[in-house]
N, C-alpha and C. Protein backbone atom coordinates (compact mmCIF):
# COMPACT_ATOMS: atom_id res chain seq x y z
N UNK A 1 127.30 41.74 337.88
CA UNK A 1 128.38 41.92 338.71
C UNK A 1 128.35 43.52 339.40
N UNK A 2 128.18 43.60 340.70
CA UNK A 2 128.46 44.91 341.11
C UNK A 2 129.78 45.69 340.70
N UNK A 3 129.53 47.05 340.80
CA UNK A 3 130.55 47.85 340.62
C UNK A 3 131.55 48.03 341.65
N UNK A 4 132.78 47.71 341.63
CA UNK A 4 133.48 47.90 342.83
C UNK A 4 134.16 49.32 343.12
N UNK A 5 133.78 50.21 342.42
CA UNK A 5 134.43 51.55 342.43
C UNK A 5 133.53 52.28 343.68
N UNK A 6 134.11 53.02 344.47
CA UNK A 6 133.21 53.88 345.59
C UNK A 6 132.35 54.80 344.84
N UNK A 7 131.28 55.16 345.22
CA UNK A 7 130.30 55.92 344.81
C UNK A 7 130.77 57.55 345.11
N UNK A 8 131.69 57.75 345.74
CA UNK A 8 132.03 59.13 345.98
C UNK A 8 133.72 58.99 346.20
N UNK A 9 134.44 60.11 346.02
CA UNK A 9 135.89 60.28 346.12
C UNK A 9 136.07 60.30 347.65
N UNK A 10 137.12 59.51 347.96
CA UNK A 10 137.36 59.58 349.46
C UNK A 10 138.53 60.32 349.68
N UNK A 11 138.47 61.34 350.54
CA UNK A 11 139.61 62.33 350.83
C UNK A 11 140.08 62.18 352.30
N UNK A 12 141.24 62.36 352.70
CA UNK A 12 141.66 62.36 353.95
C UNK A 12 141.81 63.79 354.51
N UNK A 13 141.33 64.11 355.68
CA UNK A 13 141.30 65.46 356.20
C UNK A 13 142.58 65.91 356.49
N UNK A 14 142.95 67.14 356.42
CA UNK A 14 144.23 67.66 356.66
C UNK A 14 144.46 67.52 358.07
N UNK A 15 145.60 67.26 358.58
CA UNK A 15 145.86 66.84 359.92
C UNK A 15 145.76 68.22 360.82
N UNK A 16 145.26 68.17 362.02
CA UNK A 16 144.94 69.36 362.84
C UNK A 16 146.30 69.81 363.48
N UNK A 17 146.29 71.06 363.69
CA UNK A 17 147.54 71.72 364.26
C UNK A 17 147.12 71.68 365.73
N UNK A 18 147.74 70.69 366.51
CA UNK A 18 147.83 70.55 367.79
C UNK A 18 149.25 70.65 368.38
N UNK A 19 149.27 70.42 369.77
CA UNK A 19 150.64 70.22 370.49
C UNK A 19 151.47 69.29 370.16
N UNK A 20 150.83 68.25 369.37
CA UNK A 20 151.75 67.29 369.05
C UNK A 20 152.58 67.12 367.57
N UNK A 21 152.10 68.13 366.92
CA UNK A 21 152.83 68.21 365.56
C UNK A 21 152.50 69.78 365.06
N UNK A 22 153.37 70.09 364.18
CA UNK A 22 153.53 71.43 363.42
C UNK A 22 153.59 71.00 362.06
N UNK A 23 152.98 72.19 361.26
CA UNK A 23 153.03 71.80 359.74
C UNK A 23 153.43 73.03 359.07
N UNK A 24 154.24 72.86 357.92
CA UNK A 24 154.78 73.89 357.04
C UNK A 24 154.29 73.61 355.77
N UNK A 25 153.51 74.56 355.03
CA UNK A 25 152.96 74.22 353.83
C UNK A 25 153.81 75.22 352.82
N UNK A 26 154.23 74.50 351.58
CA UNK A 26 155.06 75.27 350.71
C UNK A 26 154.69 74.83 349.36
N UNK A 27 154.98 75.82 348.42
CA UNK A 27 154.90 75.40 347.01
C UNK A 27 155.95 75.40 346.37
N UNK A 28 156.29 74.43 345.41
CA UNK A 28 157.51 74.31 344.56
C UNK A 28 157.13 73.80 343.25
N UNK A 29 158.23 73.81 342.26
CA UNK A 29 158.05 73.19 341.12
C UNK A 29 157.80 71.62 341.08
N UNK A 30 156.71 71.14 340.55
CA UNK A 30 156.38 69.69 340.75
C UNK A 30 157.56 68.75 340.40
N UNK A 31 158.63 69.22 339.56
CA UNK A 31 159.73 68.32 339.14
C UNK A 31 160.42 68.14 340.43
N UNK A 32 160.52 69.24 341.36
CA UNK A 32 161.33 69.05 342.45
C UNK A 32 160.87 68.39 343.82
N UNK A 33 159.61 67.73 343.73
CA UNK A 33 159.09 67.24 344.91
C UNK A 33 159.92 66.05 345.40
N UNK A 34 160.37 65.13 344.60
CA UNK A 34 161.23 64.02 344.92
C UNK A 34 162.42 64.43 345.53
N UNK A 35 163.27 65.47 345.21
CA UNK A 35 164.18 66.00 345.87
C UNK A 35 164.05 66.64 347.12
N UNK A 36 162.94 67.24 347.33
CA UNK A 36 162.76 67.78 348.77
C UNK A 36 162.52 66.80 349.65
N UNK A 37 161.59 65.69 348.95
CA UNK A 37 161.27 64.42 350.10
C UNK A 37 162.49 63.89 350.45
N UNK A 38 163.49 63.56 349.42
CA UNK A 38 164.70 62.95 350.03
C UNK A 38 165.64 63.88 351.02
N UNK A 39 165.72 65.26 350.79
CA UNK A 39 166.34 66.08 351.59
C UNK A 39 165.75 66.08 353.04
N UNK A 40 164.44 65.91 353.11
CA UNK A 40 163.70 65.98 354.46
C UNK A 40 164.04 64.44 355.25
N UNK A 41 163.83 63.60 354.40
CA UNK A 41 164.23 62.22 354.89
C UNK A 41 165.82 61.93 355.15
N UNK A 42 166.59 62.55 354.58
CA UNK A 42 167.99 62.50 354.73
C UNK A 42 168.47 63.28 356.10
N UNK A 43 167.76 64.06 356.58
CA UNK A 43 168.00 64.59 357.88
C UNK A 43 167.32 63.77 359.09
N UNK A 44 167.39 62.44 358.89
CA UNK A 44 166.78 61.54 359.78
C UNK A 44 165.43 61.65 360.07
N UNK A 45 164.65 62.00 359.32
CA UNK A 45 163.17 62.15 359.24
C UNK A 45 162.80 63.09 360.35
N UNK A 46 163.46 64.35 360.10
CA UNK A 46 163.14 65.45 360.93
C UNK A 46 161.75 66.05 360.71
N UNK A 47 161.39 65.57 359.71
CA UNK A 47 159.89 66.05 359.17
C UNK A 47 159.33 64.84 358.30
N UNK A 48 158.07 64.75 358.33
CA UNK A 48 157.40 63.84 357.37
C UNK A 48 156.92 64.68 356.33
N UNK A 49 157.33 64.43 355.08
CA UNK A 49 156.85 65.09 353.73
C UNK A 49 155.70 64.60 353.15
N UNK A 50 154.79 65.41 352.95
CA UNK A 50 153.61 64.82 352.38
C UNK A 50 153.03 65.95 351.24
N UNK A 51 152.75 65.22 349.90
CA UNK A 51 152.36 65.85 348.81
C UNK A 51 150.69 66.23 349.14
N UNK A 52 150.44 67.42 348.87
CA UNK A 52 149.01 67.88 348.94
C UNK A 52 148.43 67.91 347.48
N UNK A 53 149.33 68.47 346.70
CA UNK A 53 148.72 68.55 345.05
C UNK A 53 150.08 68.39 344.34
N UNK A 54 150.21 67.27 343.67
CA UNK A 54 151.29 66.87 342.82
C UNK A 54 151.43 67.83 341.66
N UNK A 55 150.36 68.13 341.13
CA UNK A 55 150.09 68.94 339.82
C UNK A 55 150.50 70.25 340.10
N UNK A 56 150.30 70.75 341.11
CA UNK A 56 150.69 72.27 341.39
C UNK A 56 151.81 72.48 342.20
N UNK A 57 152.34 71.30 342.77
CA UNK A 57 153.44 71.27 343.44
C UNK A 57 153.18 71.89 344.79
N UNK A 58 152.35 71.59 345.61
CA UNK A 58 151.72 71.92 346.87
C UNK A 58 152.34 70.73 348.00
N UNK A 59 153.20 71.03 349.04
CA UNK A 59 153.63 70.10 349.87
C UNK A 59 153.47 70.71 351.29
N UNK A 60 153.49 69.69 352.19
CA UNK A 60 153.71 70.04 353.51
C UNK A 60 154.71 69.37 354.23
N UNK A 61 155.23 69.84 355.25
CA UNK A 61 156.21 69.18 356.18
C UNK A 61 155.58 68.93 357.73
N UNK A 62 155.26 67.84 358.29
CA UNK A 62 154.77 67.63 359.32
C UNK A 62 155.91 67.29 360.45
N UNK A 63 156.06 68.01 361.55
CA UNK A 63 157.14 67.78 362.49
C UNK A 63 156.63 68.11 363.81
N UNK A 64 157.47 67.48 364.92
CA UNK A 64 157.28 67.67 366.16
C UNK A 64 157.49 69.03 366.52
N UNK A 65 156.82 69.69 367.46
CA UNK A 65 157.22 71.43 367.89
C UNK A 65 158.67 71.67 368.09
N UNK A 66 159.34 70.52 368.80
CA UNK A 66 160.76 70.91 369.01
C UNK A 66 161.73 70.98 367.80
N UNK A 67 161.13 70.53 366.76
CA UNK A 67 161.94 70.52 365.36
C UNK A 67 161.50 71.70 364.40
N UNK A 68 160.38 72.33 364.80
CA UNK A 68 159.80 73.37 363.94
C UNK A 68 160.58 74.36 363.49
N UNK A 69 161.53 75.04 364.40
CA UNK A 69 162.26 75.93 363.62
C UNK A 69 163.47 75.45 362.77
N UNK A 70 163.80 74.27 362.96
CA UNK A 70 164.87 73.70 362.25
C UNK A 70 164.35 73.34 360.96
N UNK A 71 163.17 72.69 360.69
CA UNK A 71 162.57 72.38 359.48
C UNK A 71 162.21 73.71 358.89
N UNK A 72 161.55 74.76 359.43
CA UNK A 72 161.41 75.84 358.71
C UNK A 72 162.69 76.65 358.19
N UNK A 73 163.78 76.50 358.98
CA UNK A 73 164.95 77.07 358.39
C UNK A 73 165.42 76.13 357.09
N UNK A 74 165.31 74.95 357.46
CA UNK A 74 165.71 73.96 356.12
C UNK A 74 164.91 74.29 354.93
N UNK A 75 163.77 74.49 354.97
CA UNK A 75 162.72 74.73 353.78
C UNK A 75 163.13 76.21 353.27
N UNK A 76 163.36 77.23 354.26
CA UNK A 76 163.85 78.27 353.65
C UNK A 76 165.11 78.34 352.93
N UNK A 77 166.14 77.34 353.36
CA UNK A 77 167.44 77.34 352.85
C UNK A 77 167.11 76.82 351.39
N UNK A 78 166.21 75.69 351.36
CA UNK A 78 166.00 75.13 349.96
C UNK A 78 165.26 76.09 349.00
N UNK A 79 164.54 77.10 349.62
CA UNK A 79 163.92 78.22 348.82
C UNK A 79 164.94 79.09 348.19
N UNK A 80 166.06 79.39 348.87
CA UNK A 80 167.05 80.12 348.43
C UNK A 80 167.86 79.52 346.99
N UNK A 81 167.69 78.08 347.24
CA UNK A 81 168.42 77.46 346.06
C UNK A 81 167.44 77.14 344.88
N UNK A 82 166.32 76.98 345.23
CA UNK A 82 165.03 76.59 344.37
C UNK A 82 164.17 77.80 343.99
N UNK A 83 164.40 78.58 342.92
CA UNK A 83 163.47 79.71 342.58
C UNK A 83 161.83 79.54 342.72
N UNK A 84 161.35 78.30 342.50
CA UNK A 84 160.05 78.20 342.49
C UNK A 84 159.47 77.75 343.90
N UNK A 85 160.38 77.54 344.97
CA UNK A 85 159.90 77.07 346.23
C UNK A 85 159.72 78.40 347.08
N UNK A 86 158.58 78.40 347.85
CA UNK A 86 158.03 79.29 348.64
C UNK A 86 157.21 78.86 349.76
N UNK A 87 157.48 79.33 350.97
CA UNK A 87 156.69 78.89 352.18
C UNK A 87 155.35 79.58 351.95
N UNK A 88 154.16 78.80 352.03
CA UNK A 88 152.83 79.31 351.93
C UNK A 88 152.28 79.61 353.33
N UNK A 89 152.36 78.63 354.24
CA UNK A 89 151.88 78.76 355.65
C UNK A 89 152.72 78.08 356.59
N UNK A 90 152.90 78.37 357.75
CA UNK A 90 153.55 77.80 358.95
C UNK A 90 154.76 78.46 359.34
């Protein structure tokens, strides 16, 4: 019986930074990931939260260019309340 497992690990490339979307990458305590996802989704999906590294608490928020400043302000406000959250890039 053939082995159904792929011979190599499949990785998805990071989305490119183009005029159609912006990204903000930030680090947080891994136990806070679900909370941040719910906050971003509660703002009428102002951004798409994506976990890059669950173990180390690296996330990104993908958003339309029109909402970039609002999303960055929201993440910065969350960082004031969460000592482990810090914007890395974006």
